[in-house]
């Protein structure tokens, strides 16, 4: 659970003072920190790119001047675009991480926070004239706290496997339980997490057919009464809503020392399953079961939280498309698309801290767009 700490809007620019200005000295008419803060404020209320950011800033110039220096007035559209193209994404992201670390206390009740890693395609970022396909971004998301931790760009979905290790380098693995879909079920990835002291819960599907079948067979034998001497932890939930009844059961089982694939997956200590049985409004019934590998035998409840929590990054991706219209923005320039997408993720982090059960993120964005007092609250956590 995240507890808010109040910060002053006038201090926002300080988080970017360590950021090296890549522009030539003759092109520094506007302060780097001013341009970045203007862009972040505009992105937070739903502006989609440099032109919209500049338009929004013109309408809020008096308010911006109360806490930014703006020695030569507002930055132009071209100034905003050029700066966001030359800023290195990794260094840019670190500044925002400093911001959120000052604004939020992360209460890790279970000793390790859940960190979901997943990829998203920016569908309108292709440029056929240059032979560029859509940009893919692999990001890390603290699912219980709703905090964007970092992201890495890659040119296509198949390269997500090579991007995941770079994303892992951006987070404190020793304090994390990392959840990844089946694309991350790779020997090098699980060993990287384990060697850094992290825990993992990674889905296993047919991309690892031998491992998938071995886990299915072992869990079936364990549920049939074999291996009764091995530790087993279970958890069940029932949810009703949206015209259906969902019954979910989770199990985590320690694997035996002679497990057939232990030599190939040396950090593997337990396997898990998640079964969902659904009764739909029309009386039809469906069920599905998913399998997971773990290097720690979590409690049944914590395993369930990790499995369910992973979908929060999918929900965040939906927000990017539904509320920020990310898939509709034709931004083919790679670094610009990367930096804009990161600011949208950070905007979700800030907005979620103000969200209540009866308010949507879109509604909060609208409130912030016409009420600078409320926008200031979102920016500062007051």
Protein backbone atom coordinates (compact mmCIF):
# COMPACT_ATOMS: atom_id res chain seq x y z
CA UNK A 1 0.00 0.00 0.00
CA UNK A 2 1.36 3.44 -0.91
CA UNK A 3 1.24 6.31 1.55
CA UNK A 4 1.40 9.83 0.18
CA UNK A 5 4.09 12.28 1.22
CA UNK A 6 3.45 15.92 0.46
CA UNK A 7 5.91 17.69 -1.84
CA UNK A 8 5.81 21.26 -3.13
CA UNK A 9 5.04 21.98 -6.78
CA UNK A 10 7.92 24.45 -6.87
CA UNK A 11 10.35 21.57 -6.24
CA UNK A 12 9.32 19.49 -9.26
CA UNK A 13 12.08 20.86 -11.46
CA UNK A 14 14.71 19.76 -8.92
CA UNK A 15 14.19 16.12 -9.89
CA UNK A 16 15.58 16.89 -13.34
CA UNK A 17 18.53 19.06 -12.37
CA UNK A 18 20.90 16.08 -12.56
CA UNK A 19 19.79 15.35 -16.12
CA UNK A 20 22.53 16.21 -18.59
CA UNK A 21 21.34 18.68 -21.24
CA UNK A 22 22.22 17.11 -24.63
CA UNK A 23 21.46 20.29 -26.60
CA UNK A 24 24.15 22.57 -28.00
CA UNK A 25 24.63 25.64 -25.82
CA UNK A 26 23.32 27.94 -28.54
CA UNK A 27 20.02 25.99 -28.57
CA UNK A 28 19.33 26.36 -24.85
CA UNK A 29 16.87 29.23 -25.00
CA UNK A 30 14.57 27.35 -22.63
CA UNK A 31 15.67 25.53 -19.47
CA UNK A 32 15.65 21.76 -19.75
CA UNK A 33 13.82 21.38 -16.43
CA UNK A 34 11.11 23.83 -17.53
CA UNK A 35 10.48 21.97 -20.79
CA UNK A 36 10.26 18.59 -19.03
CA UNK A 37 7.89 19.78 -16.31
CA UNK A 38 5.64 21.53 -18.85
CA UNK A 39 5.52 18.33 -20.90
CA UNK A 40 4.76 16.16 -17.86
CA UNK A 41 1.90 18.40 -16.73
CA UNK A 42 0.35 18.34 -20.19
CA UNK A 43 0.76 14.58 -20.64
CA UNK A 44 -0.94 14.03 -17.29
CA UNK A 45 -4.14 15.70 -18.50
CA UNK A 46 -4.13 13.74 -21.77
CA UNK A 47 -2.11 15.77 -24.28
CA UNK A 48 -0.66 13.43 -26.87
CA UNK A 49 2.49 15.06 -28.27
CA UNK A 50 4.59 18.22 -28.67
CA UNK A 51 1.92 20.22 -30.53
CA UNK A 52 -0.79 19.47 -27.97
CA UNK A 53 1.66 20.05 -25.10
CA UNK A 54 2.46 23.53 -26.43
CA UNK A 55 -1.22 24.37 -26.92
CA UNK A 56 -2.03 23.31 -23.35
CA UNK A 57 0.91 25.31 -21.98
CA UNK A 58 -0.30 28.46 -23.75
CA UNK A 59 -3.64 28.12 -21.99
CA UNK A 60 -1.97 27.66 -18.59
CA UNK A 61 0.99 30.02 -18.92
CA UNK A 62 0.06 32.11 -15.88
CA UNK A 63 -0.10 29.07 -13.61
CA UNK A 64 3.14 27.57 -15.00
CA UNK A 65 4.94 30.87 -14.38
CA UNK A 66 4.16 30.62 -10.66
CA UNK A 67 6.66 27.79 -10.15
CA UNK A 68 8.84 27.62 -13.31
CA UNK A 69 11.51 30.14 -14.31
CA UNK A 70 10.60 30.31 -18.05
CA UNK A 71 13.26 32.98 -18.80
CA UNK A 72 12.21 33.23 -22.45
CA UNK A 73 8.55 32.38 -22.13
CA UNK A 74 6.97 29.06 -23.05
CA UNK A 75 8.93 26.50 -25.10
CA UNK A 76 7.67 26.05 -28.66
CA UNK A 77 6.36 22.84 -30.14
CA UNK A 78 9.66 22.28 -31.96
CA UNK A 79 11.67 22.92 -28.81
CA UNK A 80 9.63 20.31 -26.89
CA UNK A 81 9.94 17.80 -29.71
CA UNK A 82 13.70 18.24 -30.18
CA UNK A 83 14.41 17.87 -26.48
CA UNK A 84 12.30 14.72 -26.07
CA UNK A 85 14.10 13.22 -29.08
CA UNK A 86 17.61 13.74 -27.68
CA UNK A 87 16.99 12.84 -24.02
CA UNK A 88 18.28 9.35 -23.27
CA UNK A 89 15.31 7.29 -21.98
CA UNK A 90 17.19 5.48 -19.21
CA UNK A 91 18.56 8.70 -17.67
CA UNK A 92 15.18 10.37 -18.17
CA UNK A 93 13.38 7.58 -16.32
CA UNK A 94 15.74 7.76 -13.35
CA UNK A 95 14.66 11.35 -12.70
CA UNK A 96 11.04 10.28 -12.47
CA UNK A 97 11.99 7.44 -10.16
CA UNK A 98 13.54 9.98 -7.81
CA UNK A 99 10.29 11.97 -7.99
CA UNK A 100 8.07 9.03 -7.06
CA UNK A 101 10.43 7.85 -4.32
CA UNK A 102 9.98 11.24 -2.65
CA UNK A 103 6.23 11.27 -3.16
CA UNK A 104 5.32 7.70 -2.15
CA UNK A 105 6.22 5.44 0.74
CA UNK A 106 6.05 1.82 -0.42
CA UNK A 107 4.75 -0.38 2.37
CA UNK A 108 5.81 -3.90 1.46
CA UNK A 109 3.69 -5.93 3.86
CA UNK A 110 4.98 -9.28 2.68
CA UNK A 111 8.68 -8.35 2.61
CA UNK A 112 8.87 -8.34 -1.21
CA UNK A 113 6.83 -6.23 -3.60
CA UNK A 114 5.18 -7.72 -6.66
CA UNK A 115 6.75 -6.50 -9.91
CA UNK A 116 5.01 -7.40 -13.17
CA UNK A 117 6.97 -7.32 -16.43
CA UNK A 118 5.23 -7.28 -19.78
CA UNK A 119 5.47 -5.83 -23.27
CA UNK A 120 3.15 -3.48 -25.17
CA UNK A 121 3.03 -2.58 -28.86
CA UNK A 122 2.67 1.10 -29.84
CA UNK A 123 0.64 0.37 -32.94
CA UNK A 124 0.86 3.76 -34.66
CA UNK A 125 4.64 4.07 -34.27
CA UNK A 126 5.46 2.32 -37.56
CA UNK A 127 7.00 4.12 -40.53
CA UNK A 128 6.85 2.05 -43.71
CA UNK A 129 8.87 4.64 -45.64
CA UNK A 130 11.84 3.93 -43.35
CA UNK A 131 11.15 0.24 -42.98
CA UNK A 132 10.21 0.62 -39.32
CA UNK A 133 7.60 -1.60 -37.74
CA UNK A 134 5.65 -0.75 -34.61
CA UNK A 135 7.70 -0.02 -31.50
CA UNK A 136 7.43 -2.46 -28.59
CA UNK A 137 8.03 -1.38 -25.00
CA UNK A 138 8.80 -3.83 -22.19
CA UNK A 139 8.07 -2.30 -18.80
CA UNK A 140 8.16 -3.09 -15.09
CA UNK A 141 5.16 -2.21 -12.93
CA UNK A 142 4.86 -2.49 -9.13
CA UNK A 143 1.42 -4.06 -9.24
CA UNK A 144 0.33 -3.53 -5.63
CA UNK A 145 1.36 0.12 -5.55
CA UNK A 146 0.60 1.10 -9.15
CA UNK A 147 4.10 2.46 -9.75
CA UNK A 148 5.95 2.54 -13.07
CA UNK A 149 9.50 1.31 -12.43
CA UNK A 150 11.10 1.47 -15.88
CA UNK A 151 10.84 0.43 -19.51
CA UNK A 152 13.03 -0.62 -22.43
CA UNK A 153 12.19 -0.22 -26.12
CA UNK A 154 12.59 -2.97 -28.70
CA UNK A 155 11.79 -3.15 -32.40
CA UNK A 156 9.47 -6.14 -32.43
CA UNK A 157 7.73 -8.60 -30.13
CA UNK A 158 10.26 -11.38 -30.72
CA UNK A 159 12.93 -9.14 -29.19
CA UNK A 160 11.04 -8.84 -25.91
CA UNK A 161 13.07 -11.82 -24.67
CA UNK A 162 16.28 -9.83 -25.11
CA UNK A 163 14.72 -6.69 -23.59
CA UNK A 164 13.51 -8.35 -20.36
CA UNK A 165 17.06 -8.73 -18.88
CA UNK A 166 17.61 -4.99 -19.38
CA UNK A 167 14.32 -4.21 -17.62
CA UNK A 168 15.36 -6.48 -14.73
CA UNK A 169 18.53 -4.39 -14.37
CA UNK A 170 16.33 -1.36 -13.63
CA UNK A 171 14.71 -2.79 -10.49
CA UNK A 172 15.82 -4.00 -7.07
CA UNK A 173 15.35 -7.73 -7.58
CA UNK A 174 16.37 -8.63 -4.02
CA UNK A 175 13.19 -6.93 -2.77
CA UNK A 176 10.88 -8.20 -5.50
CA UNK A 177 8.71 -11.09 -6.61
CA UNK A 178 8.88 -10.84 -10.40
CA UNK A 179 5.94 -12.05 -12.46
CA UNK A 180 6.28 -12.58 -16.21
CA UNK A 181 4.08 -14.24 -18.81
CA UNK A 182 5.30 -17.32 -20.68
CA UNK A 183 7.53 -15.29 -23.01
CA UNK A 184 9.84 -14.78 -20.01
CA UNK A 185 10.12 -18.49 -19.27
CA UNK A 186 13.75 -18.62 -20.38
CA UNK A 187 16.63 -20.21 -18.50
CA UNK A 188 18.82 -17.11 -18.63
CA UNK A 189 16.02 -14.87 -17.34
CA UNK A 190 15.06 -17.03 -14.35
CA UNK A 191 18.71 -17.45 -13.38
CA UNK A 192 19.30 -13.69 -13.60
CA UNK A 193 16.46 -13.10 -11.13
CA UNK A 194 17.60 -15.87 -8.80
CA UNK A 195 21.27 -14.86 -8.79
CA UNK A 196 20.28 -11.29 -7.87
CA UNK A 197 18.36 -12.58 -4.84
CA UNK A 198 14.93 -12.11 -6.38
CA UNK A 199 11.90 -14.36 -6.38
CA UNK A 200 9.95 -15.23 -9.51
CA UNK A 201 6.54 -16.53 -10.53
CA UNK A 202 6.68 -17.17 -14.27
CA UNK A 203 4.00 -18.72 -16.46
CA UNK A 204 4.79 -21.85 -18.42
CA UNK A 205 3.05 -22.61 -21.70
CA UNK A 206 3.78 -24.54 -24.89
CA UNK A 207 6.79 -22.36 -25.72
CA UNK A 208 8.56 -24.69 -23.24
CA UNK A 209 6.74 -27.93 -24.13
CA UNK A 210 8.97 -30.33 -22.17
CA UNK A 211 8.80 -28.24 -18.99
CA UNK A 212 5.07 -27.62 -19.44
CA UNK A 213 4.27 -31.31 -19.77
CA UNK A 214 6.55 -32.28 -16.84
CA UNK A 215 4.80 -29.76 -14.56
CA UNK A 216 1.34 -30.88 -15.69
CA UNK A 217 2.23 -34.50 -15.00
CA UNK A 218 3.80 -33.79 -11.61
CA UNK A 219 0.89 -31.67 -10.37
CA UNK A 220 -1.57 -34.32 -11.52
CA UNK A 221 0.35 -36.98 -9.60
CA UNK A 222 0.54 -34.77 -6.51
CA UNK A 223 -3.21 -34.10 -6.57
CA UNK A 224 -3.85 -37.83 -6.99
CA UNK A 225 -2.07 -38.55 -3.72
CA UNK A 226 1.49 -39.18 -4.83
CA UNK A 227 4.33 -37.17 -3.30
CA UNK A 228 2.27 -36.59 -0.14
CA UNK A 229 5.49 -35.97 1.75
CA UNK A 230 6.18 -32.80 -0.26
CA UNK A 231 4.96 -29.45 1.01
CA UNK A 232 1.72 -28.22 -0.56
CA UNK A 233 0.00 -24.85 -0.08
CA UNK A 234 -3.43 -23.92 -1.43
CA UNK A 235 -5.76 -20.95 -1.62
CA UNK A 236 -9.25 -20.39 -3.04
CA UNK A 237 -11.34 -17.34 -3.95
CA UNK A 238 -14.89 -16.73 -5.20
CA UNK A 239 -15.88 -13.59 -7.11
CA UNK A 240 -19.27 -12.65 -8.53
CA UNK A 241 -19.93 -9.83 -10.96
CA UNK A 242 -20.17 -8.81 -14.61
CA UNK A 243 -22.74 -11.54 -15.18
CA UNK A 244 -20.59 -14.45 -14.05
CA UNK A 245 -19.36 -16.39 -11.02
CA UNK A 246 -15.62 -17.10 -10.85
CA UNK A 247 -14.19 -19.74 -8.53
CA UNK A 248 -10.40 -19.77 -8.48
CA UNK A 249 -8.11 -22.30 -6.84
CA UNK A 250 -4.36 -21.97 -6.45
CA UNK A 251 -1.74 -24.47 -5.42
CA UNK A 252 2.02 -24.29 -4.83
CA UNK A 253 4.00 -27.50 -4.55
CA UNK A 254 7.61 -28.12 -3.68
CA UNK A 255 9.25 -30.26 -6.35
CA UNK A 256 11.20 -33.43 -5.48
CA UNK A 257 14.97 -33.50 -5.70
CA UNK A 258 14.75 -36.02 -8.54
CA UNK A 259 12.42 -33.82 -10.63
CA UNK A 260 13.35 -34.64 -14.21
CA UNK A 261 14.18 -31.09 -15.32
CA UNK A 262 15.86 -29.77 -12.19
CA UNK A 263 19.29 -29.94 -13.80
CA UNK A 264 18.11 -27.76 -16.68
CA UNK A 265 16.40 -25.26 -14.34
CA UNK A 266 18.68 -25.22 -11.27
CA UNK A 267 16.90 -22.40 -9.41
CA UNK A 268 13.50 -24.10 -9.70
CA UNK A 269 12.17 -24.99 -6.24
CA UNK A 270 8.39 -25.18 -6.67
CA UNK A 271 5.64 -25.26 -9.26
CA UNK A 272 2.17 -23.80 -9.10
CA UNK A 273 -1.17 -23.91 -10.80
CA UNK A 274 -4.10 -21.50 -11.05
CA UNK A 275 -7.49 -22.88 -12.06
CA UNK A 276 -10.50 -20.71 -12.84
CA UNK A 277 -13.97 -22.21 -13.03
CA UNK A 278 -16.58 -19.79 -14.42
CA UNK A 279 -20.37 -20.00 -14.46
CA UNK A 280 -21.68 -17.49 -16.99
CA UNK A 281 -24.98 -15.64 -16.83
CA UNK A 282 -26.50 -17.91 -19.48
CA UNK A 283 -25.66 -21.01 -17.43
CA UNK A 284 -22.67 -22.13 -19.49
CA UNK A 285 -19.53 -23.21 -17.67
CA UNK A 286 -15.88 -22.81 -18.64
CA UNK A 287 -12.60 -23.59 -16.96
CA UNK A 288 -8.89 -23.14 -17.58
CA UNK A 289 -5.68 -23.99 -15.76
CA UNK A 290 -2.34 -22.23 -15.99
CA UNK A 291 1.02 -23.46 -14.69
CA UNK A 292 3.94 -21.57 -13.14
CA UNK A 293 7.53 -22.06 -12.00
CA UNK A 294 8.87 -20.55 -8.76
CA UNK A 295 12.21 -20.35 -7.00
CA UNK A 296 10.49 -19.83 -3.62
CA UNK A 297 7.58 -21.77 -2.18
CA UNK A 298 5.23 -18.89 -1.45
CA UNK A 299 2.10 -19.22 0.64
CA UNK A 300 -1.00 -20.06 -1.32
CA UNK A 301 -2.39 -16.58 -0.78
CA UNK A 302 0.80 -14.79 -1.83
CA UNK A 303 1.05 -16.97 -4.93
CA UNK A 304 -2.57 -16.06 -5.77
CA UNK A 305 -1.77 -12.38 -5.29
CA UNK A 306 1.21 -12.69 -7.63
CA UNK A 307 -0.85 -14.43 -10.33
CA UNK A 308 -3.79 -12.03 -10.09
CA UNK A 309 -1.51 -9.03 -9.62
CA UNK A 310 0.22 -9.64 -12.93
CA UNK A 311 -2.94 -8.59 -14.73
CA UNK A 312 -2.57 -5.09 -13.30
CA UNK A 313 0.10 -4.37 -15.92
CA UNK A 314 -2.38 -5.45 -18.60
CA UNK A 315 -4.90 -3.06 -17.03
CA UNK A 316 -2.27 -0.30 -17.16
CA UNK A 317 -1.75 -1.01 -20.87
CA UNK A 318 -5.51 -0.75 -21.39
CA UNK A 319 -5.51 2.64 -19.65
CA UNK A 320 -2.74 3.83 -21.99
CA UNK A 321 -4.93 3.03 -24.98
CA UNK A 322 -8.38 3.90 -23.59
CA UNK A 323 -7.51 7.10 -21.69
CA UNK A 324 -4.30 8.33 -23.31
CA UNK A 325 -5.05 6.98 -26.82
CA UNK A 326 -1.48 5.73 -27.11
CA UNK A 327 -2.21 3.41 -30.02
CA UNK A 328 -3.63 6.31 -32.03
CA UNK A 329 -0.53 8.55 -31.84
CA UNK A 330 1.55 8.34 -35.04
CA UNK A 331 4.95 8.85 -33.38
CA UNK A 332 7.50 7.01 -35.51
CA UNK A 333 10.61 8.66 -34.02
CA UNK A 334 11.82 5.99 -31.59
CA UNK A 335 13.22 8.01 -28.71
CA UNK A 336 10.34 10.48 -28.79
CA UNK A 337 7.80 7.62 -28.68
CA UNK A 338 9.72 5.97 -25.84
CA UNK A 339 9.89 9.13 -23.70
CA UNK A 340 6.26 10.10 -24.32
CA UNK A 341 5.11 6.59 -23.44
CA UNK A 342 7.15 6.66 -20.24
CA UNK A 343 5.56 9.95 -19.18
CA UNK A 344 2.11 8.45 -19.76
CA UNK A 345 3.00 5.51 -17.50
CA UNK A 346 4.26 7.92 -14.87
CA UNK A 347 1.05 9.94 -15.21
CA UNK A 348 -0.92 6.78 -14.37
CA UNK A 349 1.28 6.34 -11.29
CA UNK A 350 0.43 9.86 -10.10
CA UNK A 351 -3.27 9.65 -10.95
CA UNK A 352 -3.76 6.32 -9.18
CA UNK A 353 -2.70 7.92 -5.91
CA UNK A 354 -5.75 10.22 -6.15
CA UNK A 355 -8.20 7.59 -7.40
CA UNK A 356 -11.10 6.44 -5.24
CA UNK A 357 -13.52 3.58 -5.82
CA UNK A 358 -16.11 5.81 -7.49
CA UNK A 359 -13.75 7.80 -9.73
CA UNK A 360 -12.20 6.81 -13.04
CA UNK A 361 -8.72 7.83 -14.14
CA UNK A 362 -10.30 9.55 -17.13
CA UNK A 363 -12.43 11.62 -14.80
CA UNK A 364 -9.38 12.61 -12.77
CA UNK A 365 -7.57 13.63 -15.96
CA UNK A 366 -10.52 15.82 -16.93
CA UNK A 367 -10.61 17.45 -13.50
CA UNK A 368 -6.88 18.15 -13.68
CA UNK A 369 -7.27 19.66 -17.17
CA UNK A 370 -9.61 22.44 -16.01
CA UNK A 371 -8.61 22.83 -12.35
CA UNK A 372 -4.94 23.70 -11.73
CA UNK A 373 -5.43 23.38 -7.97
CA UNK A 374 -6.40 19.74 -8.48
CA UNK A 375 -3.59 19.25 -11.00
CA UNK A 376 -1.19 20.55 -8.38
CA UNK A 377 -2.56 18.02 -5.89
CA UNK A 378 -1.96 15.18 -8.34
CA UNK A 379 1.59 16.36 -9.06
CA UNK A 380 2.55 16.81 -5.41
CA UNK A 381 0.46 14.22 -3.57
CA UNK A 382 -1.14 16.82 -1.33
